[in-house]
Amino acid sequence: MTEDERIAELVCQLADRMDDNLNWPPDFAEVARTGATDKNLPHVLAMWQSYCDRAKAGDPVAGELAVLLTAPLSNYFGLHGQEERKRALFESTLEALPSPAHQEIMRCRLSRAALKAGEVDAARAWLDSCDPAPLDVGADSDYRVSAAYLATFDHDFGRVLTLLGRAHGSIPVAVSQRALVVVLRANALEKSGGLDEAVAALLDFAGHSEGHLAEQSYAAVTKANSWLDLCPRSVPRAIALLQGGPAGAASAARGGDTHRHGLFGRHKS
């Protein structure tokens, strides 16, 4: 399979998974909407354990749901300074799930967790254990993000842009990774001397988001990854323009309209 054929397959998977979201179990859909909270944490953990058990018994849909639940759970642990608990969540999920794609996603997240903890060699080792060209859009997205994290840490911004592309639509990206992709891309553009292009990229993605979701995501991503000093100039400028209304955002984005619809259209990052 050529790389172009692999990317085309990932694009098809992404469209299928957007449809799958409409069929989530009601309790799972509620967690996807609200996240993990002090009130529902025991219930979310019980759901995650149930999905892991079912996946281990051969249910691939349960495996996918277990992977998806690690996002709100890890966000909760991160917000409460429970980094070791977050890593334990990823390790337990890795051990429970038989799918190579799901295992790769957990290895990628363990790589990022190790890097944040200052364990650079461990971060590289986790990433080296992964397939750099998986045939699963979720695994591909997590691999690109984790490799981009390491490249950002190494100040290899050209490598980041090779992994993520320079603009929205450059690559197919799983929904759970889109905000990270956009911010890592903008950071690489900004620190390569392209501040205006970085701001345009952030505004462009915001144009495909509902309400104030993009600016909230940018603030959350930069705060959660403050140790990488992501987008110190471009995110504040983009948020200010977005809060200034459509006229200000349109003015700042002028000249960046060629980035609005990438090769894969609105469903990608």
C-alpha atoms as a PDB file:
ATOM      1  CA  MET A   1       0.000   0.000   0.000  1.00  0.00           C
ATOM      2  CA  THR A   2       1.337   3.417  -0.935  1.00  0.00           C
ATOM      3  CA  GLU A   3       1.226   6.357   1.478  1.00  0.00           C
ATOM      4  CA  ASP A   4      -1.452   8.044  -0.625  1.00  0.00           C
ATOM      5  CA  GLU A   5      -3.560   4.884  -0.449  1.00  0.00           C
ATOM      6  CA  ARG A   6      -3.065   4.682   3.321  1.00  0.00           C
ATOM      7  CA  ILE A   7      -4.162   8.297   3.790  1.00  0.00           C
ATOM      8  CA  ALA A   8      -7.211   7.699   1.593  1.00  0.00           C
ATOM      9  CA  GLU A   9      -8.138   4.739   3.816  1.00  0.00           C
ATOM     10  CA  LEU A  10      -7.787   6.904   6.944  1.00  0.00           C
ATOM     11  CA  VAL A  11     -10.060   9.540   5.407  1.00  0.00           C
ATOM     12  CA  CYS A  12     -12.742   6.899   4.827  1.00  0.00           C
ATOM     13  CA  GLN A  13     -12.399   5.645   8.390  1.00  0.00           C
ATOM     14  CA  LEU A  14     -12.797   9.164   9.727  1.00  0.00           C
ATOM     15  CA  ALA A  15     -16.090   9.652   7.907  1.00  0.00           C
ATOM     16  CA  ASP A  16     -17.365   6.290   9.186  1.00  0.00           C
ATOM     17  CA  ARG A  17     -16.447   7.133  12.774  1.00  0.00           C
ATOM     18  CA  MET A  18     -18.277  10.437  12.603  1.00  0.00           C
ATOM     19  CA  ASP A  19     -21.402   8.383  11.832  1.00  0.00           C
ATOM     20  CA  ASP A  20     -20.595   5.923  14.644  1.00  0.00           C
ATOM     21  CA  ASN A  21     -20.765   8.762  17.161  1.00  0.00           C
ATOM     22  CA  LEU A  22     -24.508   8.911  16.567  1.00  0.00           C
ATOM     23  CA  ASN A  23     -24.850   5.366  17.922  1.00  0.00           C
ATOM     24  CA  TRP A  24     -23.079   5.774  21.264  1.00  0.00           C
ATOM     25  CA  PRO A  25     -24.803   4.247  24.321  1.00  0.00           C
ATOM     26  CA  PRO A  26     -26.727   6.987  26.205  1.00  0.00           C
ATOM     27  CA  ASP A  27     -24.551   6.876  29.347  1.00  0.00           C
ATOM     28  CA  PHE A  28     -21.390   7.037  27.238  1.00  0.00           C
ATOM     29  CA  ALA A  29     -22.771   9.944  25.202  1.00  0.00           C
ATOM     30  CA  GLU A  30     -23.485  11.807  28.448  1.00  0.00           C
ATOM     31  CA  VAL A  31     -19.862  11.392  29.596  1.00  0.00           C
ATOM     32  CA  ALA A  32     -18.651  12.496  26.169  1.00  0.00           C
ATOM     33  CA  ARG A  33     -20.735  15.651  26.611  1.00  0.00           C
ATOM     34  CA  THR A  34     -19.908  16.500  30.239  1.00  0.00           C
ATOM     35  CA  GLY A  35     -16.516  14.865  30.821  1.00  0.00           C
ATOM     36  CA  ALA A  36     -15.445  13.214  34.056  1.00  0.00           C
ATOM     37  CA  THR A  37     -16.371  15.152  37.193  1.00  0.00           C
ATOM     38  CA  ASP A  38     -16.151  14.705  40.958  1.00  0.00           C
ATOM     39  CA  LYS A  39     -19.756  13.552  40.898  1.00  0.00           C
ATOM     40  CA  ASN A  40     -19.615  10.992  38.097  1.00  0.00           C
ATOM     41  CA  LEU A  41     -16.022   9.754  38.413  1.00  0.00           C
ATOM     42  CA  PRO A  42     -16.893   6.405  40.082  1.00  0.00           C
ATOM     43  CA  HIS A  43     -19.482   5.714  37.387  1.00  0.00           C
ATOM     44  CA  VAL A  44     -17.078   6.617  34.552  1.00  0.00           C
ATOM     45  CA  LEU A  45     -14.378   4.379  36.014  1.00  0.00           C
ATOM     46  CA  ALA A  46     -16.880   1.523  36.283  1.00  0.00           C
ATOM     47  CA  MET A  47     -17.882   2.053  32.656  1.00  0.00           C
ATOM     48  CA  TRP A  48     -14.232   2.046  31.569  1.00  0.00           C
ATOM     49  CA  GLN A  49     -13.544  -1.185  33.476  1.00  0.00           C
ATOM     50  CA  SER A  50     -16.617  -2.838  31.972  1.00  0.00           C
ATOM     51  CA  TYR A  51     -15.564  -1.866  28.454  1.00  0.00           C
ATOM     52  CA  CYS A  52     -12.021  -3.144  29.094  1.00  0.00           C
ATOM     53  CA  ASP A  53     -13.385  -6.483  30.316  1.00  0.00           C
ATOM     54  CA  ARG A  54     -15.654  -6.819  27.292  1.00  0.00           C
ATOM     55  CA  ALA A  55     -12.814  -5.893  24.933  1.00  0.00           C
ATOM     56  CA  LYS A  56     -10.565  -8.508  26.509  1.00  0.00           C
ATOM     57  CA  ALA A  57     -13.336 -11.044  25.832  1.00  0.00           C
ATOM     58  CA  GLY A  58     -13.302 -10.123  22.141  1.00  0.00           C
ATOM     59  CA  ASP A  59     -15.702  -7.170  21.742  1.00  0.00           C
ATOM     60  CA  PRO A  60     -13.965  -4.626  19.450  1.00  0.00           C
ATOM     61  CA  VAL A  61     -16.657  -1.955  19.903  1.00  0.00           C
ATOM     62  CA  ALA A  62     -16.135  -2.093  23.678  1.00  0.00           C
ATOM     63  CA  GLY A  63     -12.408  -1.656  23.060  1.00  0.00           C
ATOM     64  CA  GLU A  64     -13.057   1.511  21.074  1.00  0.00           C
ATOM     65  CA  LEU A  65     -15.287   2.881  23.842  1.00  0.00           C
ATOM     66  CA  ALA A  66     -12.668   2.029  26.491  1.00  0.00           C
ATOM     67  CA  VAL A  67     -10.074   3.999  24.531  1.00  0.00           C
ATOM     68  CA  LEU A  68     -12.438   6.945  24.137  1.00  0.00           C
ATOM     69  CA  LEU A  69     -13.176   6.972  27.888  1.00  0.00           C
ATOM     70  CA  THR A  70      -9.483   7.365  28.691  1.00  0.00           C
ATOM     71  CA  ALA A  71      -9.748  10.940  27.359  1.00  0.00           C
ATOM     72  CA  PRO A  72     -12.205  12.362  29.937  1.00  0.00           C
ATOM     73  CA  LEU A  73     -10.614  10.274  32.694  1.00  0.00           C
ATOM     74  CA  SER A  74      -7.072  11.389  31.882  1.00  0.00           C
ATOM     75  CA  ASN A  75      -8.256  15.000  31.597  1.00  0.00           C
ATOM     76  CA  TYR A  76      -9.780  14.717  35.068  1.00  0.00           C
ATOM     77  CA  PHE A  77      -6.619  13.215  36.555  1.00  0.00           C
ATOM     78  CA  GLY A  78      -4.474  15.854  34.858  1.00  0.00           C
ATOM     79  CA  LEU A  79      -6.594  18.722  36.148  1.00  0.00           C
ATOM     80  CA  HIS A  80      -6.302  17.313  39.675  1.00  0.00           C
ATOM     81  CA  GLY A  81      -2.522  16.806  39.507  1.00  0.00           C
ATOM     82  CA  GLN A  82      -2.843  13.012  39.466  1.00  0.00           C
ATOM     83  CA  GLU A  83      -0.294  12.324  36.729  1.00  0.00           C
ATOM     84  CA  GLU A  84       0.695   8.899  38.064  1.00  0.00           C
ATOM     85  CA  ARG A  85      -2.935   7.846  38.115  1.00  0.00           C
ATOM     86  CA  LYS A  86      -3.260   8.993  34.508  1.00  0.00           C
ATOM     87  CA  ARG A  87      -0.282   6.891  33.454  1.00  0.00           C
ATOM     88  CA  ALA A  88      -1.683   3.904  35.347  1.00  0.00           C
ATOM     89  CA  LEU A  89      -4.939   4.341  33.407  1.00  0.00           C
ATOM     90  CA  PHE A  90      -3.065   4.170  30.099  1.00  0.00           C
ATOM     91  CA  GLU A  91      -0.997   1.170  31.210  1.00  0.00           C
ATOM     92  CA  SER A  92      -4.072  -0.743  32.405  1.00  0.00           C
ATOM     93  CA  THR A  93      -5.908   0.003  29.166  1.00  0.00           C
ATOM     94  CA  LEU A  94      -2.891  -1.119  27.150  1.00  0.00           C
ATOM     95  CA  GLU A  95      -2.826  -4.437  29.013  1.00  0.00           C
ATOM     96  CA  ALA A  96      -6.572  -4.991  28.623  1.00  0.00           C
ATOM     97  CA  LEU A  97      -7.098  -4.303  24.934  1.00  0.00           C
ATOM     98  CA  PRO A  98      -6.177  -6.911  22.298  1.00  0.00           C
ATOM     99  CA  SER A  99      -6.410  -4.567  19.295  1.00  0.00           C
ATOM    100  CA  PRO A 100      -2.963  -3.464  17.954  1.00  0.00           C
ATOM    101  CA  ALA A 101      -4.447  -0.079  16.997  1.00  0.00           C
ATOM    102  CA  HIS A 102      -5.824   0.495  20.503  1.00  0.00           C
ATOM    103  CA  GLN A 103      -2.529  -0.640  22.015  1.00  0.00           C
ATOM    104  CA  GLU A 104      -0.675   1.853  19.842  1.00  0.00           C
ATOM    105  CA  ILE A 105      -2.888   4.700  21.014  1.00  0.00           C
ATOM    106  CA  MET A 106      -2.079   3.852  24.636  1.00  0.00           C
ATOM    107  CA  ARG A 107       1.658   3.608  23.892  1.00  0.00           C
ATOM    108  CA  CYS A 108       1.518   7.028  22.276  1.00  0.00           C
ATOM    109  CA  ARG A 109      -0.246   8.509  25.308  1.00  0.00           C
ATOM    110  CA  LEU A 110       2.283   6.872  27.616  1.00  0.00           C
ATOM    111  CA  SER A 111       5.003   8.508  25.521  1.00  0.00           C
ATOM    112  CA  ARG A 112       3.457  11.938  26.044  1.00  0.00           C
ATOM    113  CA  ALA A 113       2.962  11.294  29.759  1.00  0.00           C
ATOM    114  CA  ALA A 114       6.594  10.231  30.133  1.00  0.00           C
ATOM    115  CA  LEU A 115       7.793  13.330  28.287  1.00  0.00           C
ATOM    116  CA  LYS A 116       5.742  15.588  30.558  1.00  0.00           C
ATOM    117  CA  ALA A 117       7.291  13.821  33.568  1.00  0.00           C
ATOM    118  CA  GLY A 118      10.770  14.577  32.217  1.00  0.00           C
ATOM    119  CA  GLU A 119      11.464  10.950  31.281  1.00  0.00           C
ATOM    120  CA  VAL A 120      12.681  11.720  27.770  1.00  0.00           C
ATOM    121  CA  ASP A 121      14.293   8.343  27.083  1.00  0.00           C
ATOM    122  CA  ALA A 122      11.128   6.543  28.156  1.00  0.00           C
ATOM    123  CA  ALA A 123       9.054   8.843  25.944  1.00  0.00           C
ATOM    124  CA  ARG A 124      11.212   8.001  22.936  1.00  0.00           C
ATOM    125  CA  ALA A 125      11.122   4.290  23.767  1.00  0.00           C
ATOM    126  CA  TRP A 126       7.320   4.225  23.958  1.00  0.00           C
ATOM    127  CA  LEU A 127       7.083   5.985  20.597  1.00  0.00           C
ATOM    128  CA  ASP A 128       9.701   3.716  19.031  1.00  0.00           C
ATOM    129  CA  SER A 129       7.510   0.742  19.961  1.00  0.00           C
ATOM    130  CA  CYS A 130       4.749   2.085  17.704  1.00  0.00           C
ATOM    131  CA  ASP A 131       4.019   1.639  14.011  1.00  0.00           C
ATOM    132  CA  PRO A 132       4.728   5.036  12.368  1.00  0.00           C
ATOM    133  CA  ALA A 133       2.234   4.324   9.575  1.00  0.00           C
ATOM    134  CA  PRO A 134      -0.743   2.469  11.109  1.00  0.00           C
ATOM    135  CA  LEU A 135      -3.855   1.581   9.134  1.00  0.00           C
ATOM    136  CA  ASP A 136      -6.159   3.104  11.760  1.00  0.00           C
ATOM    137  CA  VAL A 137      -7.028   6.792  11.869  1.00  0.00           C
ATOM    138  CA  GLY A 138      -7.081   6.916  15.679  1.00  0.00           C
ATOM    139  CA  ALA A 139      -3.658   5.313  15.975  1.00  0.00           C
ATOM    140  CA  ASP A 140      -2.277   7.485  13.178  1.00  0.00           C
ATOM    141  CA  SER A 141      -3.534  10.661  14.844  1.00  0.00           C
ATOM    142  CA  ASP A 142      -2.094   9.711  18.231  1.00  0.00           C
ATOM    143  CA  TYR A 143       1.226   8.762  16.654  1.00  0.00           C
ATOM    144  CA  ARG A 144       1.486  12.086  14.805  1.00  0.00           C
ATOM    145  CA  VAL A 145       0.626  14.058  17.944  1.00  0.00           C
ATOM    146  CA  SER A 146       3.104  12.136  20.115  1.00  0.00           C
ATOM    147  CA  ALA A 147       5.883  12.440  17.541  1.00  0.00           C
ATOM    148  CA  ALA A 148       5.066  16.156  17.255  1.00  0.00           C
ATOM    149  CA  TYR A 149       5.335  16.485  21.048  1.00  0.00           C
ATOM    150  CA  LEU A 150       8.849  15.056  20.968  1.00  0.00           C
ATOM    151  CA  ALA A 151       9.790  17.203  17.981  1.00  0.00           C
ATOM    152  CA  THR A 152       8.449  20.280  19.793  1.00  0.00           C
ATOM    153  CA  PHE A 153      10.504  19.347  22.857  1.00  0.00           C
ATOM    154  CA  ASP A 154      13.549  19.038  20.555  1.00  0.00           C
ATOM    155  CA  HIS A 155      12.731  22.419  18.915  1.00  0.00           C
ATOM    156  CA  ASP A 156      12.534  20.603  15.579  1.00  0.00           C
ATOM    157  CA  PHE A 157       9.646  22.634  14.222  1.00  0.00           C
ATOM    158  CA  GLY A 158      10.217  21.528  10.645  1.00  0.00           C
ATOM    159  CA  ARG A 159       9.566  17.963  11.796  1.00  0.00           C
ATOM    160  CA  VAL A 160       6.336  19.082  13.493  1.00  0.00           C
ATOM    161  CA  LEU A 161       5.093  20.622  10.256  1.00  0.00           C
ATOM    162  CA  THR A 162       6.077  17.515   8.301  1.00  0.00           C
ATOM    163  CA  LEU A 163       3.990  15.426  10.681  1.00  0.00           C
ATOM    164  CA  LEU A 164       0.990  17.743  10.930  1.00  0.00           C
ATOM    165  CA  GLY A 165       1.073  19.816   7.756  1.00  0.00           C
ATOM    166  CA  ARG A 166       0.994  23.599   7.630  1.00  0.00           C
ATOM    167  CA  ALA A 167      -2.774  24.037   7.434  1.00  0.00           C
ATOM    168  CA  HIS A 168      -6.199  22.731   8.359  1.00  0.00           C
ATOM    169  CA  GLY A 169      -7.069  19.811   6.092  1.00  0.00           C
ATOM    170  CA  SER A 170      -3.475  18.713   5.528  1.00  0.00           C
ATOM    171  CA  ILE A 171      -4.043  15.343   7.195  1.00  0.00           C
ATOM    172  CA  PRO A 172      -7.039  13.358   8.483  1.00  0.00           C
ATOM    173  CA  VAL A 173      -7.234  13.734  12.268  1.00  0.00           C
ATOM    174  CA  ALA A 174      -9.380  11.942  14.839  1.00  0.00           C
ATOM    175  CA  VAL A 175     -11.750  14.326  16.600  1.00  0.00           C
ATOM    176  CA  SER A 176     -10.112  13.771  19.995  1.00  0.00           C
ATOM    177  CA  GLN A 177      -6.754  15.050  18.703  1.00  0.00           C
ATOM    178  CA  ARG A 178      -7.818  18.036  16.598  1.00  0.00           C
ATOM    179  CA  ALA A 179      -7.242  20.797  19.123  1.00  0.00           C
ATOM    180  CA  LEU A 180      -3.782  19.420  19.945  1.00  0.00           C
ATOM    181  CA  VAL A 181      -2.895  19.208  16.259  1.00  0.00           C
ATOM    182  CA  VAL A 182      -3.960  22.793  15.610  1.00  0.00           C
ATOM    183  CA  VAL A 183      -2.031  24.210  18.568  1.00  0.00           C
ATOM    184  CA  LEU A 184       1.117  22.157  17.919  1.00  0.00           C
ATOM    185  CA  ARG A 185       1.012  23.265  14.276  1.00  0.00           C
ATOM    186  CA  ALA A 186       0.510  26.921  15.171  1.00  0.00           C
ATOM    187  CA  ASN A 187       3.320  26.745  17.727  1.00  0.00           C
ATOM    188  CA  ALA A 188       5.688  25.343  15.081  1.00  0.00           C
ATOM    189  CA  LEU A 189       4.694  28.079  12.635  1.00  0.00           C
ATOM    190  CA  GLU A 190       5.100  30.810  15.256  1.00  0.00           C
ATOM    191  CA  LYS A 191       8.499  29.586  16.418  1.00  0.00           C
ATOM    192  CA  SER A 192       9.674  29.183  12.830  1.00  0.00           C
ATOM    193  CA  GLY A 193       9.092  32.906  12.322  1.00  0.00           C
ATOM    194  CA  GLY A 194       5.574  32.695  10.887  1.00  0.00           C
ATOM    195  CA  LEU A 195       3.495  34.439  13.556  1.00  0.00           C
ATOM    196  CA  ASP A 196       0.881  35.706  11.089  1.00  0.00           C
ATOM    197  CA  GLU A 197       0.553  32.245   9.539  1.00  0.00           C
ATOM    198  CA  ALA A 198       0.179  30.738  13.013  1.00  0.00           C
ATOM    199  CA  VAL A 199      -2.632  33.163  13.907  1.00  0.00           C
ATOM    200  CA  ALA A 200      -4.320  32.501  10.554  1.00  0.00           C
ATOM    201  CA  ALA A 201      -4.159  28.746  11.179  1.00  0.00           C
ATOM    202  CA  LEU A 202      -5.826  29.158  14.584  1.00  0.00           C
ATOM    203  CA  LEU A 203      -8.537  31.418  13.163  1.00  0.00           C
ATOM    204  CA  ASP A 204      -9.080  29.063  10.257  1.00  0.00           C
ATOM    205  CA  PHE A 205      -9.765  26.109  12.556  1.00  0.00           C
ATOM    206  CA  ALA A 206     -12.038  28.294  14.689  1.00  0.00           C
ATOM    207  CA  GLY A 207     -14.096  28.939  11.560  1.00  0.00           C
ATOM    208  CA  HIS A 208     -14.978  25.238  11.505  1.00  0.00           C
ATOM    209  CA  SER A 209     -15.869  25.083  15.215  1.00  0.00           C
ATOM    210  CA  GLU A 210     -19.113  25.794  17.018  1.00  0.00           C
ATOM    211  CA  GLY A 211     -19.533  28.854  19.204  1.00  0.00           C
ATOM    212  CA  HIS A 212     -16.523  29.571  21.391  1.00  0.00           C
ATOM    213  CA  LEU A 213     -15.286  25.980  21.339  1.00  0.00           C
ATOM    214  CA  ALA A 214     -12.022  26.772  19.542  1.00  0.00           C
ATOM    215  CA  GLU A 215     -10.875  29.558  21.851  1.00  0.00           C
ATOM    216  CA  GLN A 216     -11.787  27.453  24.896  1.00  0.00           C
ATOM    217  CA  SER A 217      -9.823  24.537  23.439  1.00  0.00           C
ATOM    218  CA  TYR A 218      -6.791  26.721  22.686  1.00  0.00           C
ATOM    219  CA  ALA A 219      -6.733  28.054  26.242  1.00  0.00           C
ATOM    220  CA  ALA A 220      -7.122  24.548  27.706  1.00  0.00           C
ATOM    221  CA  VAL A 221      -4.403  22.999  25.506  1.00  0.00           C
ATOM    222  CA  THR A 222      -1.848  25.710  26.216  1.00  0.00           C
ATOM    223  CA  LYS A 223      -2.570  25.554  29.958  1.00  0.00           C
ATOM    224  CA  ALA A 224      -2.325  21.742  30.093  1.00  0.00           C
ATOM    225  CA  ASN A 225       0.954  21.896  28.166  1.00  0.00           C
ATOM    226  CA  SER A 226       2.460  24.981  29.763  1.00  0.00           C
ATOM    227  CA  TRP A 227       5.743  23.097  30.149  1.00  0.00           C
ATOM    228  CA  LEU A 228       6.129  23.281  26.343  1.00  0.00           C
ATOM    229  CA  ASP A 229       5.345  27.031  26.155  1.00  0.00           C
ATOM    230  CA  LEU A 230       2.993  26.541  23.211  1.00  0.00           C
ATOM    231  CA  CYS A 231       1.920  29.533  21.104  1.00  0.00           C
ATOM    232  CA  PRO A 232       2.903  32.292  23.579  1.00  0.00           C
ATOM    233  CA  ARG A 233       2.003  34.999  21.043  1.00  0.00           C
ATOM    234  CA  SER A 234      -0.314  33.434  18.473  1.00  0.00           C
ATOM    235  CA  VAL A 235      -2.967  31.952  20.790  1.00  0.00           C
ATOM    236  CA  PRO A 236      -3.518  35.176  22.814  1.00  0.00           C
ATOM    237  CA  ARG A 237      -3.724  37.139  19.556  1.00  0.00           C
ATOM    238  CA  ALA A 238      -6.134  34.659  17.965  1.00  0.00           C
ATOM    239  CA  ILE A 239      -8.361  34.557  21.060  1.00  0.00           C
ATOM    240  CA  ALA A 240      -8.448  38.360  21.209  1.00  0.00           C
ATOM    241  CA  LEU A 241      -9.484  38.512  17.560  1.00  0.00           C
ATOM    242  CA  LEU A 242     -12.135  35.829  18.042  1.00  0.00           C
ATOM    243  CA  GLN A 243     -13.560  37.631  21.048  1.00  0.00           C
ATOM    244  CA  GLY A 244     -13.551  40.835  19.025  1.00  0.00           C
ATOM    245  CA  GLY A 245     -16.208  39.410  16.742  1.00  0.00           C
ATOM    246  CA  PRO A 246     -16.433  38.240  13.145  1.00  0.00           C
ATOM    247  CA  ALA A 247     -15.077  41.463  11.634  1.00  0.00           C
ATOM    248  CA  GLY A 248     -11.835  41.319  13.590  1.00  0.00           C
ATOM    249  CA  ALA A 249     -11.326  37.632  12.944  1.00  0.00           C
ATOM    250  CA  ALA A 250     -12.066  37.997   9.245  1.00  0.00           C
ATOM    251  CA  SER A 251      -9.598  40.845   8.951  1.00  0.00           C
ATOM    252  CA  ALA A 252      -6.844  38.866  10.674  1.00  0.00           C
ATOM    253  CA  ALA A 253      -7.547  35.788   8.592  1.00  0.00           C
ATOM    254  CA  ARG A 254      -7.491  37.677   5.279  1.00  0.00           C
ATOM    255  CA  GLY A 255      -4.774  36.225   3.177  1.00  0.00           C
ATOM    256  CA  GLY A 256      -5.106  32.910   4.991  1.00  0.00           C
ATOM    257  CA  ASP A 257      -8.267  31.890   3.122  1.00  0.00           C
ATOM    258  CA  THR A 258      -6.293  29.491   0.945  1.00  0.00           C
ATOM    259  CA  HIS A 259      -5.900  27.363   4.083  1.00  0.00           C
ATOM    260  CA  ARG A 260      -9.630  27.165   4.782  1.00  0.00           C
ATOM    261  CA  HIS A 261     -10.387  24.019   2.826  1.00  0.00           C
ATOM    262  CA  GLY A 262      -7.524  21.570   2.757  1.00  0.00           C
ATOM    263  CA  LEU A 263      -7.228  18.414   0.762  1.00  0.00           C
ATOM    264  CA  PHE A 264      -9.668  16.567   3.013  1.00  0.00           C
ATOM    265  CA  GLY A 265     -12.195  19.355   3.665  1.00  0.00           C
ATOM    266  CA  ARG A 266     -14.054  20.292   6.821  1.00  0.00           C
ATOM    267  CA  HIS A 267     -13.784  16.940   8.593  1.00  0.00           C
ATOM    268  CA  LYS A 268     -10.024  17.068   9.063  1.00  0.00           C
ATOM    269  CA  SER A 269      -7.379  19.123  10.828  1.00  0.00           C
END
